[in-house]
Amino acid sequence: MVLVDWGIAQAASASAPAGATEQPAVVTRAGSGPARALSGTPAYMSPEQARGDSSLIDHRTDTYCLCVLFYELLTLSYYLPTKSTMQGCLMAILMDEPMTALQMHHRFGVPPELANFIRPGLHKDRAQRYQSVDEMVAKLQEVINGQIPIVCPCTGIKRTANLYGDFMNDHPILAVAFVALSVLFALFGLFEAVRLGAMSI
């Protein structure tokens, strides 16, 4: 089953039929100045949507909202402190920062490579986010394929393990021989350390 909400969808190309208009669903919020039009569900808005600046809404808004959903799927938790009012929710989107990748990993057990994948998409600066859904999908596919960006010791170890796994699949005999030699060298080093220690006593 696929659930799709086209309430605020707009055509991205200029090939729409003549005379056709695409108007998003609008919620009007009164502020200290003129009323501002907000499109979307408040808790899932990007910062530019929360500001009511429709001129800044583009594909990077979509990647932000997708990362919010991805965050919830991985953690079963909202990515910001929950607020009871719409105004509080919008202020949190503009001001509060989501957990770091390390915090996500320790608190929710999210794999570090997925936590590091989500973080750029939740950046408040549009220029620092995924610039398109295609880029986001490509980065996720790299993670799935084991091409994990090394940004911390955990991701470094996992990337090395994935590379060794690929090497073992392609060259099983050499991989086993490499492990055997590594164990022998380690045992030899331990034996030498014990021998030298005994001699110095």
N, C-alpha and C. Protein backbone atom coordinates (compact mmCIF):
# COMPACT_ATOMS: atom_id res chain seq x y z
N MET A 1 0.85 -1.19 0.00
CA MET A 1 0.00 0.00 0.00
C MET A 1 0.89 1.25 0.00
N VAL A 2 0.53 2.22 -0.81
CA VAL A 2 1.27 3.48 -0.89
C VAL A 2 0.33 4.62 -0.55
N LEU A 3 0.73 5.45 0.41
CA LEU A 3 -0.07 6.61 0.80
C LEU A 3 0.64 7.86 0.33
N VAL A 4 -0.02 8.66 -0.49
CA VAL A 4 0.58 9.87 -1.05
C VAL A 4 -0.32 11.05 -0.75
N ASP A 5 0.27 12.12 -0.25
CA ASP A 5 -0.48 13.35 0.01
C ASP A 5 -0.01 14.41 -0.97
N TRP A 6 -0.87 14.76 -1.93
CA TRP A 6 -0.53 15.75 -2.94
C TRP A 6 -1.08 17.13 -2.59
N GLY A 7 -1.36 17.35 -1.31
CA GLY A 7 -2.01 18.60 -0.90
C GLY A 7 -1.25 19.85 -1.26
N ILE A 8 0.10 19.81 -1.19
CA ILE A 8 0.88 21.02 -1.50
C ILE A 8 1.82 20.78 -2.66
N ALA A 9 1.60 19.70 -3.42
CA ALA A 9 2.49 19.41 -4.55
C ALA A 9 2.30 20.43 -5.65
N GLN A 10 3.41 20.79 -6.29
CA GLN A 10 3.37 21.72 -7.41
C GLN A 10 4.25 21.19 -8.53
N ALA A 11 3.85 21.46 -9.77
CA ALA A 11 4.64 21.00 -10.91
C ALA A 11 5.98 21.71 -10.94
N ALA A 12 7.05 20.93 -11.16
CA ALA A 12 8.39 21.53 -11.19
C ALA A 12 8.77 22.00 -12.58
N SER A 13 8.09 21.49 -13.61
CA SER A 13 8.43 21.85 -14.98
C SER A 13 7.50 22.93 -15.49
N ALA A 14 7.87 23.51 -16.61
CA ALA A 14 7.05 24.58 -17.19
C ALA A 14 6.11 24.04 -18.25
N SER A 15 5.90 22.72 -18.29
CA SER A 15 5.11 22.10 -19.35
C SER A 15 3.65 21.90 -18.95
N ALA A 16 3.21 22.59 -17.92
CA ALA A 16 1.83 22.44 -17.49
C ALA A 16 0.90 23.03 -18.55
N PRO A 17 -0.33 22.50 -18.66
CA PRO A 17 -1.28 23.02 -19.64
C PRO A 17 -1.54 24.51 -19.45
N ALA A 18 -1.78 25.19 -20.55
CA ALA A 18 -2.03 26.63 -20.50
C ALA A 18 -3.24 26.91 -19.61
N GLY A 19 -3.08 27.89 -18.77
CA GLY A 19 -4.17 28.28 -17.89
C GLY A 19 -4.23 27.50 -16.60
N ALA A 20 -3.43 26.41 -16.51
CA ALA A 20 -3.47 25.60 -15.30
C ALA A 20 -2.69 26.30 -14.19
N THR A 21 -3.18 26.19 -12.98
CA THR A 21 -2.48 26.79 -11.82
C THR A 21 -2.33 25.73 -10.75
N GLU A 22 -1.21 25.74 -10.08
CA GLU A 22 -0.96 24.82 -8.97
C GLU A 22 -0.84 25.64 -7.69
N GLN A 23 -1.87 25.59 -6.88
CA GLN A 23 -1.87 26.35 -5.64
C GLN A 23 -1.76 25.39 -4.47
N PRO A 24 -0.78 25.57 -3.61
CA PRO A 24 -0.65 24.68 -2.45
C PRO A 24 -1.73 24.94 -1.43
N ALA A 25 -1.98 23.90 -0.62
CA ALA A 25 -2.89 24.09 0.51
C ALA A 25 -2.24 25.08 1.46
N VAL A 26 -3.01 26.06 1.91
CA VAL A 26 -2.43 27.16 2.67
C VAL A 26 -3.09 27.26 4.04
N VAL A 27 -2.25 27.41 5.04
CA VAL A 27 -2.72 27.73 6.39
C VAL A 27 -2.21 29.11 6.72
N THR A 28 -3.09 30.00 7.10
CA THR A 28 -2.68 31.38 7.39
C THR A 28 -2.42 31.54 8.87
N ARG A 29 -1.24 32.06 9.19
CA ARG A 29 -0.86 32.28 10.58
C ARG A 29 -0.63 33.77 10.78
N ALA A 30 -1.32 34.33 11.74
CA ALA A 30 -1.16 35.75 12.01
C ALA A 30 0.08 35.97 12.87
N GLY A 31 0.86 36.96 12.53
CA GLY A 31 2.05 37.30 13.32
C GLY A 31 1.96 38.74 13.76
N SER A 32 3.10 39.30 14.13
CA SER A 32 3.11 40.68 14.58
C SER A 32 2.87 41.64 13.42
N GLY A 33 3.19 41.18 12.20
CA GLY A 33 2.97 41.98 11.01
C GLY A 33 1.81 41.42 10.21
N PRO A 34 1.89 41.51 8.87
CA PRO A 34 0.84 40.95 8.03
C PRO A 34 0.74 39.44 8.19
N ALA A 35 -0.43 38.90 7.90
CA ALA A 35 -0.64 37.45 7.98
C ALA A 35 0.31 36.76 7.01
N ARG A 36 0.85 35.61 7.45
CA ARG A 36 1.79 34.87 6.63
C ARG A 36 1.17 33.55 6.22
N ALA A 37 1.39 33.14 4.97
CA ALA A 37 0.83 31.89 4.47
C ALA A 37 1.85 30.78 4.65
N LEU A 38 1.45 29.70 5.34
CA LEU A 38 2.30 28.55 5.56
C LEU A 38 1.70 27.35 4.87
N SER A 39 2.53 26.61 4.12
CA SER A 39 2.05 25.44 3.40
C SER A 39 2.70 24.20 4.00
N GLY A 40 1.86 23.25 4.41
CA GLY A 40 2.38 22.00 4.91
C GLY A 40 1.96 21.72 6.34
N THR A 41 2.41 20.57 6.84
CA THR A 41 2.15 20.17 8.22
C THR A 41 3.22 20.79 9.11
N PRO A 42 2.84 21.61 10.11
CA PRO A 42 3.84 22.37 10.88
C PRO A 42 5.02 21.56 11.40
N ALA A 43 4.77 20.38 11.96
CA ALA A 43 5.86 19.61 12.56
C ALA A 43 6.87 19.10 11.54
N TYR A 44 6.48 19.08 10.27
CA TYR A 44 7.36 18.53 9.23
C TYR A 44 7.83 19.58 8.24
N MET A 45 7.68 20.84 8.62
CA MET A 45 8.13 21.91 7.73
C MET A 45 9.65 22.09 7.81
N SER A 46 10.21 22.58 6.73
CA SER A 46 11.61 22.98 6.73
C SER A 46 11.70 24.39 7.32
N PRO A 47 12.89 24.86 7.68
CA PRO A 47 13.01 26.21 8.22
C PRO A 47 12.47 27.28 7.29
N GLU A 48 12.69 27.13 5.98
CA GLU A 48 12.19 28.15 5.06
C GLU A 48 10.67 28.14 4.99
N GLN A 49 10.06 26.97 5.14
CA GLN A 49 8.60 26.92 5.21
C GLN A 49 8.10 27.55 6.50
N ALA A 50 8.80 27.27 7.60
CA ALA A 50 8.38 27.83 8.89
C ALA A 50 8.44 29.35 8.88
N ARG A 51 9.37 29.92 8.08
CA ARG A 51 9.46 31.38 7.97
C ARG A 51 8.37 31.94 7.07
N GLY A 52 7.70 31.09 6.31
CA GLY A 52 6.68 31.54 5.39
C GLY A 52 7.25 32.15 4.13
N ASP A 53 8.51 31.82 3.79
CA ASP A 53 9.16 32.39 2.61
C ASP A 53 9.06 31.41 1.45
N SER A 54 8.00 31.52 0.66
CA SER A 54 7.77 30.58 -0.43
C SER A 54 8.81 30.69 -1.54
N SER A 55 9.53 31.82 -1.62
CA SER A 55 10.52 31.99 -2.68
C SER A 55 11.74 31.09 -2.47
N LEU A 56 11.92 30.56 -1.25
CA LEU A 56 13.06 29.70 -0.95
C LEU A 56 12.73 28.22 -1.02
N ILE A 57 11.48 27.89 -1.28
CA ILE A 57 11.07 26.49 -1.29
C ILE A 57 11.44 25.84 -2.62
N ASP A 58 12.23 24.76 -2.55
CA ASP A 58 12.62 24.02 -3.75
C ASP A 58 12.90 22.57 -3.37
N HIS A 59 13.71 21.87 -4.19
CA HIS A 59 13.98 20.47 -3.93
C HIS A 59 14.65 20.24 -2.58
N ARG A 60 15.40 21.21 -2.11
CA ARG A 60 16.09 21.06 -0.83
C ARG A 60 15.10 21.06 0.33
N THR A 61 13.94 21.64 0.12
CA THR A 61 12.86 21.54 1.12
C THR A 61 12.36 20.11 1.18
N ASP A 62 12.24 19.47 0.02
CA ASP A 62 11.79 18.08 -0.01
C ASP A 62 12.78 17.15 0.69
N THR A 63 14.08 17.37 0.46
CA THR A 63 15.06 16.49 1.10
C THR A 63 15.04 16.67 2.62
N TYR A 64 14.79 17.89 3.07
CA TYR A 64 14.69 18.14 4.52
C TYR A 64 13.53 17.34 5.10
N CYS A 65 12.37 17.45 4.48
CA CYS A 65 11.18 16.75 4.99
C CYS A 65 11.37 15.24 4.94
N LEU A 66 12.02 14.74 3.90
CA LEU A 66 12.29 13.30 3.80
C LEU A 66 13.20 12.84 4.93
N CYS A 67 14.18 13.65 5.28
CA CYS A 67 15.10 13.28 6.36
C CYS A 67 14.40 13.31 7.71
N VAL A 68 13.43 14.21 7.88
CA VAL A 68 12.63 14.21 9.11
C VAL A 68 11.90 12.87 9.24
N LEU A 69 11.29 12.42 8.15
CA LEU A 69 10.57 11.14 8.18
C LEU A 69 11.53 9.98 8.40
N PHE A 70 12.69 10.03 7.74
CA PHE A 70 13.68 8.98 7.88
C PHE A 70 14.18 8.90 9.33
N TYR A 71 14.36 10.06 9.96
CA TYR A 71 14.76 10.12 11.35
C TYR A 71 13.73 9.39 12.23
N GLU A 72 12.45 9.66 11.98
CA GLU A 72 11.40 9.03 12.79
C GLU A 72 11.34 7.53 12.56
N LEU A 73 11.55 7.09 11.31
CA LEU A 73 11.53 5.66 11.03
C LEU A 73 12.66 4.93 11.76
N LEU A 74 13.82 5.58 11.89
CA LEU A 74 14.96 4.94 12.53
C LEU A 74 14.92 5.01 14.05
N THR A 75 14.37 6.10 14.59
CA THR A 75 14.41 6.30 16.04
C THR A 75 13.07 6.14 16.73
N LEU A 76 11.99 6.14 15.95
CA LEU A 76 10.63 6.14 16.50
C LEU A 76 10.43 7.34 17.43
N SER A 77 11.07 8.43 17.07
CA SER A 77 11.00 9.65 17.87
C SER A 77 11.06 10.86 16.95
N TYR A 78 10.42 11.95 17.35
CA TYR A 78 10.48 13.19 16.58
C TYR A 78 11.88 13.78 16.70
N TYR A 79 12.35 14.45 15.66
CA TYR A 79 13.73 14.89 15.62
C TYR A 79 14.04 16.14 16.45
N LEU A 80 13.00 16.81 16.94
CA LEU A 80 13.18 17.99 17.79
C LEU A 80 12.34 17.83 19.05
N PRO A 81 12.62 18.60 20.10
CA PRO A 81 11.75 18.55 21.28
C PRO A 81 10.32 18.89 20.89
N THR A 82 9.38 18.05 21.27
CA THR A 82 7.99 18.24 20.87
C THR A 82 7.41 19.48 21.56
N LYS A 83 6.56 20.18 20.82
CA LYS A 83 5.90 21.38 21.33
C LYS A 83 4.39 21.20 21.24
N SER A 84 3.68 21.85 22.16
CA SER A 84 2.23 21.68 22.23
C SER A 84 1.48 22.67 21.35
N THR A 85 2.16 23.71 20.87
CA THR A 85 1.48 24.71 20.04
C THR A 85 2.17 24.81 18.69
N MET A 86 1.44 25.31 17.70
CA MET A 86 2.02 25.46 16.38
C MET A 86 3.16 26.46 16.40
N GLN A 87 3.00 27.56 17.14
CA GLN A 87 4.05 28.56 17.22
C GLN A 87 5.31 27.98 17.85
N GLY A 88 5.14 27.19 18.91
CA GLY A 88 6.29 26.55 19.55
C GLY A 88 6.99 25.58 18.62
N CYS A 89 6.19 24.85 17.84
CA CYS A 89 6.75 23.90 16.88
C CYS A 89 7.56 24.62 15.81
N LEU A 90 7.03 25.71 15.28
CA LEU A 90 7.74 26.45 14.24
C LEU A 90 9.01 27.09 14.78
N MET A 91 8.97 27.56 16.02
CA MET A 91 10.17 28.14 16.63
C MET A 91 11.24 27.08 16.83
N ALA A 92 10.82 25.87 17.20
CA ALA A 92 11.78 24.78 17.37
C ALA A 92 12.46 24.45 16.05
N ILE A 93 11.70 24.45 14.96
CA ILE A 93 12.27 24.17 13.64
C ILE A 93 13.30 25.23 13.27
N LEU A 94 13.03 26.47 13.65
CA LEU A 94 13.94 27.56 13.29
C LEU A 94 15.15 27.63 14.22
N MET A 95 14.99 27.25 15.47
CA MET A 95 16.04 27.51 16.46
C MET A 95 16.75 26.25 16.97
N ASP A 96 16.03 25.16 17.20
CA ASP A 96 16.61 23.98 17.85
C ASP A 96 17.37 23.12 16.85
N GLU A 97 18.39 22.44 17.35
CA GLU A 97 19.17 21.54 16.52
C GLU A 97 18.82 20.09 16.88
N PRO A 98 18.72 19.21 15.88
CA PRO A 98 18.48 17.80 16.17
C PRO A 98 19.71 17.17 16.81
N MET A 99 19.57 15.96 17.29
CA MET A 99 20.70 15.25 17.89
C MET A 99 21.84 15.10 16.89
N THR A 100 23.04 15.03 17.42
CA THR A 100 24.19 14.72 16.57
C THR A 100 24.13 13.25 16.19
N ALA A 101 24.93 12.87 15.19
CA ALA A 101 24.97 11.47 14.76
C ALA A 101 25.40 10.57 15.92
N LEU A 102 26.36 11.03 16.72
CA LEU A 102 26.85 10.23 17.84
C LEU A 102 25.76 10.04 18.88
N GLN A 103 24.99 11.10 19.15
CA GLN A 103 23.89 10.99 20.12
C GLN A 103 22.82 10.03 19.62
N MET A 104 22.51 10.10 18.33
CA MET A 104 21.52 9.18 17.75
C MET A 104 21.99 7.74 17.89
N HIS A 105 23.28 7.54 17.67
CA HIS A 105 23.84 6.19 17.75
C HIS A 105 23.76 5.64 19.16
N HIS A 106 24.13 6.45 20.16
CA HIS A 106 24.15 5.98 21.54
C HIS A 106 22.76 5.88 22.15
N ARG A 107 21.89 6.83 21.84
CA ARG A 107 20.58 6.84 22.49
C ARG A 107 19.59 5.87 21.83
N PHE A 108 19.61 5.81 20.50
CA PHE A 108 18.61 5.00 19.80
C PHE A 108 19.20 3.77 19.11
N GLY A 109 20.53 3.64 19.13
CA GLY A 109 21.14 2.50 18.46
C GLY A 109 21.12 2.59 16.95
N VAL A 110 20.99 3.81 16.42
CA VAL A 110 20.98 3.98 14.96
C VAL A 110 22.39 3.71 14.44
N PRO A 111 22.54 2.87 13.41
CA PRO A 111 23.88 2.64 12.84
C PRO A 111 24.54 3.96 12.49
N PRO A 112 25.82 4.13 12.81
CA PRO A 112 26.48 5.43 12.61
C PRO A 112 26.46 5.91 11.17
N GLU A 113 26.52 4.96 10.22
CA GLU A 113 26.52 5.39 8.82
C GLU A 113 25.16 5.98 8.41
N LEU A 114 24.07 5.48 9.01
CA LEU A 114 22.75 6.04 8.71
C LEU A 114 22.52 7.35 9.46
N ALA A 115 23.03 7.42 10.69
CA ALA A 115 22.93 8.68 11.44
C ALA A 115 23.68 9.79 10.72
N ASN A 116 24.85 9.48 10.18
CA ASN A 116 25.62 10.48 9.43
C ASN A 116 25.00 10.78 8.08
N PHE A 117 24.21 9.86 7.56
CA PHE A 117 23.48 10.13 6.31
C PHE A 117 22.36 11.13 6.53
N ILE A 118 21.67 11.03 7.65
CA ILE A 118 20.52 11.90 7.93
C ILE A 118 20.95 13.33 8.22
N ARG A 119 22.03 13.49 8.97
CA ARG A 119 22.41 14.80 9.49
C ARG A 119 22.49 15.91 8.43
N PRO A 120 23.14 15.71 7.28
CA PRO A 120 23.20 16.82 6.30
C PRO A 120 21.83 17.26 5.81
N GLY A 121 20.90 16.30 5.71
CA GLY A 121 19.57 16.63 5.21
C GLY A 121 18.77 17.50 6.16
N LEU A 122 19.16 17.55 7.45
CA LEU A 122 18.44 18.34 8.44
C LEU A 122 19.14 19.66 8.74
N HIS A 123 20.06 20.04 7.88
CA HIS A 123 20.79 21.30 8.09
C HIS A 123 19.85 22.47 7.82
N LYS A 124 19.92 23.49 8.66
CA LYS A 124 19.04 24.65 8.48
C LYS A 124 19.46 25.50 7.28
N ASP A 125 20.72 25.43 6.91
CA ASP A 125 21.22 26.13 5.73
C ASP A 125 20.98 25.25 4.50
N ARG A 126 20.16 25.72 3.58
CA ARG A 126 19.81 24.91 2.41
C ARG A 126 21.03 24.50 1.59
N ALA A 127 22.05 25.34 1.58
CA ALA A 127 23.25 25.05 0.79
C ALA A 127 24.02 23.86 1.35
N GLN A 128 23.80 23.52 2.63
CA GLN A 128 24.51 22.42 3.26
C GLN A 128 23.74 21.10 3.20
N ARG A 129 22.53 21.15 2.67
CA ARG A 129 21.71 19.93 2.60
C ARG A 129 21.99 19.16 1.31
N TYR A 130 21.30 18.02 1.16
CA TYR A 130 21.28 17.35 -0.14
C TYR A 130 20.57 18.27 -1.11
N GLN A 131 21.16 18.48 -2.25
CA GLN A 131 20.63 19.45 -3.19
C GLN A 131 19.48 18.92 -4.05
N SER A 132 19.28 17.61 -4.02
CA SER A 132 18.17 17.01 -4.75
C SER A 132 17.87 15.64 -4.14
N VAL A 133 16.69 15.13 -4.44
CA VAL A 133 16.33 13.79 -3.98
C VAL A 133 17.23 12.75 -4.64
N ASP A 134 17.60 12.98 -5.90
CA ASP A 134 18.50 12.06 -6.58
C ASP A 134 19.84 11.94 -5.85
N GLU A 135 20.39 13.06 -5.40
CA GLU A 135 21.64 13.04 -4.65
C GLU A 135 21.47 12.27 -3.34
N MET A 136 20.34 12.50 -2.69
CA MET A 136 20.05 11.81 -1.43
C MET A 136 19.97 10.30 -1.64
N VAL A 137 19.27 9.88 -2.69
CA VAL A 137 19.13 8.45 -2.99
C VAL A 137 20.49 7.85 -3.33
N ALA A 138 21.31 8.58 -4.09
CA ALA A 138 22.63 8.08 -4.47
C ALA A 138 23.50 7.87 -3.23
N LYS A 139 23.46 8.82 -2.28
CA LYS A 139 24.24 8.70 -1.05
C LYS A 139 23.76 7.51 -0.22
N LEU A 140 22.45 7.32 -0.16
CA LEU A 140 21.92 6.20 0.60
C LEU A 140 22.31 4.88 -0.05
N GLN A 141 22.31 4.83 -1.37
CA GLN A 141 22.70 3.62 -2.08
C GLN A 141 24.16 3.29 -1.81
N GLU A 142 25.00 4.31 -1.71
CA GLU A 142 26.42 4.08 -1.38
C GLU A 142 26.55 3.44 0.00
N VAL A 143 25.75 3.92 0.96
CA VAL A 143 25.78 3.34 2.30
C VAL A 143 25.33 1.89 2.26
N ILE A 144 24.26 1.62 1.51
CA ILE A 144 23.75 0.25 1.39
C ILE A 144 24.80 -0.66 0.77
N ASN A 145 25.55 -0.12 -0.18
CA ASN A 145 26.59 -0.91 -0.86
C ASN A 145 27.87 -1.05 -0.04
N GLY A 146 27.89 -0.45 1.16
CA GLY A 146 29.06 -0.57 2.01
C GLY A 146 30.09 0.52 1.83
N GLN A 147 29.80 1.51 0.98
CA GLN A 147 30.74 2.62 0.76
C GLN A 147 30.46 3.69 1.81
N ILE A 148 30.84 3.39 3.05
CA ILE A 148 30.52 4.23 4.19
C ILE A 148 31.53 5.36 4.33
N PRO A 149 31.09 6.61 4.32
CA PRO A 149 32.03 7.72 4.57
C PRO A 149 32.64 7.60 5.96
N ILE A 150 33.94 7.78 6.06
CA ILE A 150 34.63 7.67 7.34
C ILE A 150 34.61 9.03 8.04
N VAL A 151 33.80 9.13 9.08
CA VAL A 151 33.68 10.39 9.84
C VAL A 151 33.93 10.19 11.33
N CYS A 152 34.12 8.93 11.75
CA CYS A 152 34.36 8.63 13.16
C CYS A 152 35.00 7.25 13.23
N PRO A 153 35.52 6.85 14.40
CA PRO A 153 36.12 5.52 14.52
C PRO A 153 35.17 4.38 14.14
N CYS A 154 33.90 4.49 14.52
CA CYS A 154 32.93 3.43 14.20
C CYS A 154 32.77 3.25 12.70
N THR A 155 32.60 4.36 11.98
CA THR A 155 32.44 4.25 10.53
C THR A 155 33.73 3.80 9.87
N GLY A 156 34.89 4.16 10.44
CA GLY A 156 36.16 3.70 9.91
C GLY A 156 36.30 2.19 10.01
N ILE A 157 35.92 1.64 11.17
CA ILE A 157 36.00 0.20 11.38
C ILE A 157 35.03 -0.53 10.44
N LYS A 158 33.80 0.00 10.32
CA LYS A 158 32.81 -0.65 9.46
C LYS A 158 33.22 -0.58 7.99
N ARG A 159 33.80 0.54 7.57
CA ARG A 159 34.26 0.65 6.19
C ARG A 159 35.38 -0.35 5.91
N THR A 160 36.32 -0.48 6.86
CA THR A 160 37.41 -1.44 6.70
C THR A 160 36.88 -2.87 6.65
N ALA A 161 35.91 -3.16 7.51
CA ALA A 161 35.32 -4.50 7.52
C ALA A 161 34.61 -4.80 6.20
N ASN A 162 33.92 -3.80 5.67
CA ASN A 162 33.23 -3.99 4.38
C ASN A 162 34.22 -4.23 3.26
N LEU A 163 35.33 -3.47 3.27
CA LEU A 163 36.35 -3.66 2.24
C LEU A 163 36.97 -5.05 2.33
N TYR A 164 37.22 -5.49 3.57
CA TYR A 164 37.78 -6.84 3.73
C TYR A 164 36.77 -7.90 3.29
N GLY A 165 35.48 -7.65 3.59
CA GLY A 165 34.45 -8.59 3.14
C GLY A 165 34.41 -8.70 1.62
N ASP A 166 34.52 -7.56 0.93
CA ASP A 166 34.55 -7.60 -0.54
C ASP A 166 35.79 -8.34 -1.04
N PHE A 167 36.93 -8.11 -0.38
CA PHE A 167 38.17 -8.80 -0.77
C PHE A 167 38.04 -10.30 -0.54
N MET A 168 37.39 -10.69 0.55
CA MET A 168 37.20 -12.11 0.83
C MET A 168 36.29 -12.77 -0.20
N ASN A 169 35.27 -12.04 -0.64
CA ASN A 169 34.39 -12.59 -1.67
C ASN A 169 35.13 -12.81 -2.99
N ASP A 170 36.03 -11.89 -3.31
CA ASP A 170 36.75 -11.99 -4.58
C ASP A 170 37.96 -12.92 -4.49
N HIS A 171 38.62 -12.95 -3.33
CA HIS A 171 39.86 -13.74 -3.17
C HIS A 171 39.82 -14.47 -1.82
N PRO A 172 38.99 -15.51 -1.68
CA PRO A 172 38.83 -16.16 -0.37
C PRO A 172 40.13 -16.77 0.17
N ILE A 173 40.94 -17.39 -0.70
CA ILE A 173 42.17 -18.03 -0.23
C ILE A 173 43.15 -16.99 0.30
N LEU A 174 43.34 -15.90 -0.46
CA LEU A 174 44.24 -14.84 -0.02
C LEU A 174 43.75 -14.20 1.28
N ALA A 175 42.45 -14.05 1.41
CA ALA A 175 41.89 -13.42 2.61
C ALA A 175 42.17 -14.28 3.84
N VAL A 176 41.96 -15.59 3.71
CA VAL A 176 42.23 -16.50 4.84
C VAL A 176 43.72 -16.51 5.16
N ALA A 177 44.56 -16.52 4.11
CA ALA A 177 46.01 -16.52 4.32
C ALA A 177 46.45 -15.23 5.03
N PHE A 178 45.84 -14.11 4.67
CA PHE A 178 46.17 -12.84 5.31
C PHE A 178 45.84 -12.88 6.80
N VAL A 179 44.67 -13.43 7.14
CA VAL A 179 44.28 -13.53 8.55
C VAL A 179 45.23 -14.45 9.31
N ALA A 180 45.59 -15.58 8.69
CA ALA A 180 46.49 -16.54 9.34
C ALA A 180 47.85 -15.90 9.60
N LEU A 181 48.39 -15.18 8.62
CA LEU A 181 49.68 -14.52 8.79
C LEU A 181 49.61 -13.44 9.88
N SER A 182 48.49 -12.72 9.91
CA SER A 182 48.33 -11.68 10.93
C SER A 182 48.33 -12.29 12.33
N VAL A 183 47.66 -13.43 12.48
CA VAL A 183 47.63 -14.10 13.78
C VAL A 183 49.02 -14.59 14.17
N LEU A 184 49.74 -15.16 13.19
CA LEU A 184 51.10 -15.64 13.46
C LEU A 184 52.02 -14.51 13.89
N PHE A 185 51.96 -13.38 13.18
CA PHE A 185 52.79 -12.23 13.55
C PHE A 185 52.44 -11.71 14.94
N ALA A 186 51.13 -11.69 15.25
CA ALA A 186 50.71 -11.23 16.57
C ALA A 186 51.23 -12.16 17.67
N LEU A 187 51.15 -13.48 17.43
CA LEU A 187 51.65 -14.44 18.40
C LEU A 187 53.16 -14.33 18.56
N PHE A 188 53.84 -14.13 17.42
CA PHE A 188 55.30 -13.99 17.47
C PHE A 188 55.69 -12.75 18.27
N GLY A 189 54.98 -11.64 18.03
CA GLY A 189 55.26 -10.42 18.77
C GLY A 189 55.01 -10.60 20.25
N LEU A 190 53.93 -11.30 20.60
CA LEU A 190 53.63 -11.55 22.01
C LEU A 190 54.70 -12.43 22.64
N PHE A 191 55.13 -13.47 21.90
CA PHE A 191 56.17 -14.36 22.41
C PHE A 191 57.47 -13.60 22.65
N GLU A 192 57.84 -12.72 21.71
CA GLU A 192 59.07 -11.95 21.86
C GLU A 192 58.98 -10.99 23.05
N ALA A 193 57.84 -10.40 23.24
CA ALA A 193 57.66 -9.48 24.38
C ALA A 193 57.81 -10.23 25.69
N VAL A 194 57.24 -11.43 25.76
CA VAL A 194 57.35 -12.23 26.98
C VAL A 194 58.79 -12.67 27.21
N ARG A 195 59.48 -13.09 26.12
CA ARG A 195 60.87 -13.54 26.24
C ARG A 195 61.79 -12.42 26.71
N LEU A 196 61.62 -11.22 26.09
CA LEU A 196 62.46 -10.08 26.49
C LEU A 196 62.16 -9.67 27.92
N GLY A 197 60.90 -9.75 28.31
CA GLY A 197 60.55 -9.42 29.69
C GLY A 197 61.17 -10.39 30.67
N ALA A 198 61.19 -11.68 30.31
CA ALA A 198 61.79 -12.69 31.19
C ALA A 198 63.30 -12.50 31.30
N MET A 199 63.94 -12.09 30.18
CA MET A 199 65.38 -11.88 30.18
C MET A 199 65.78 -10.70 31.03
N SER A 200 64.92 -9.70 31.12
CA SER A 200 65.27 -8.49 31.85
C SER A 200 65.09 -8.64 33.36
N ILE A 201 64.44 -9.71 33.77
CA ILE A 201 64.23 -9.92 35.21
C ILE A 201 65.51 -10.45 35.87
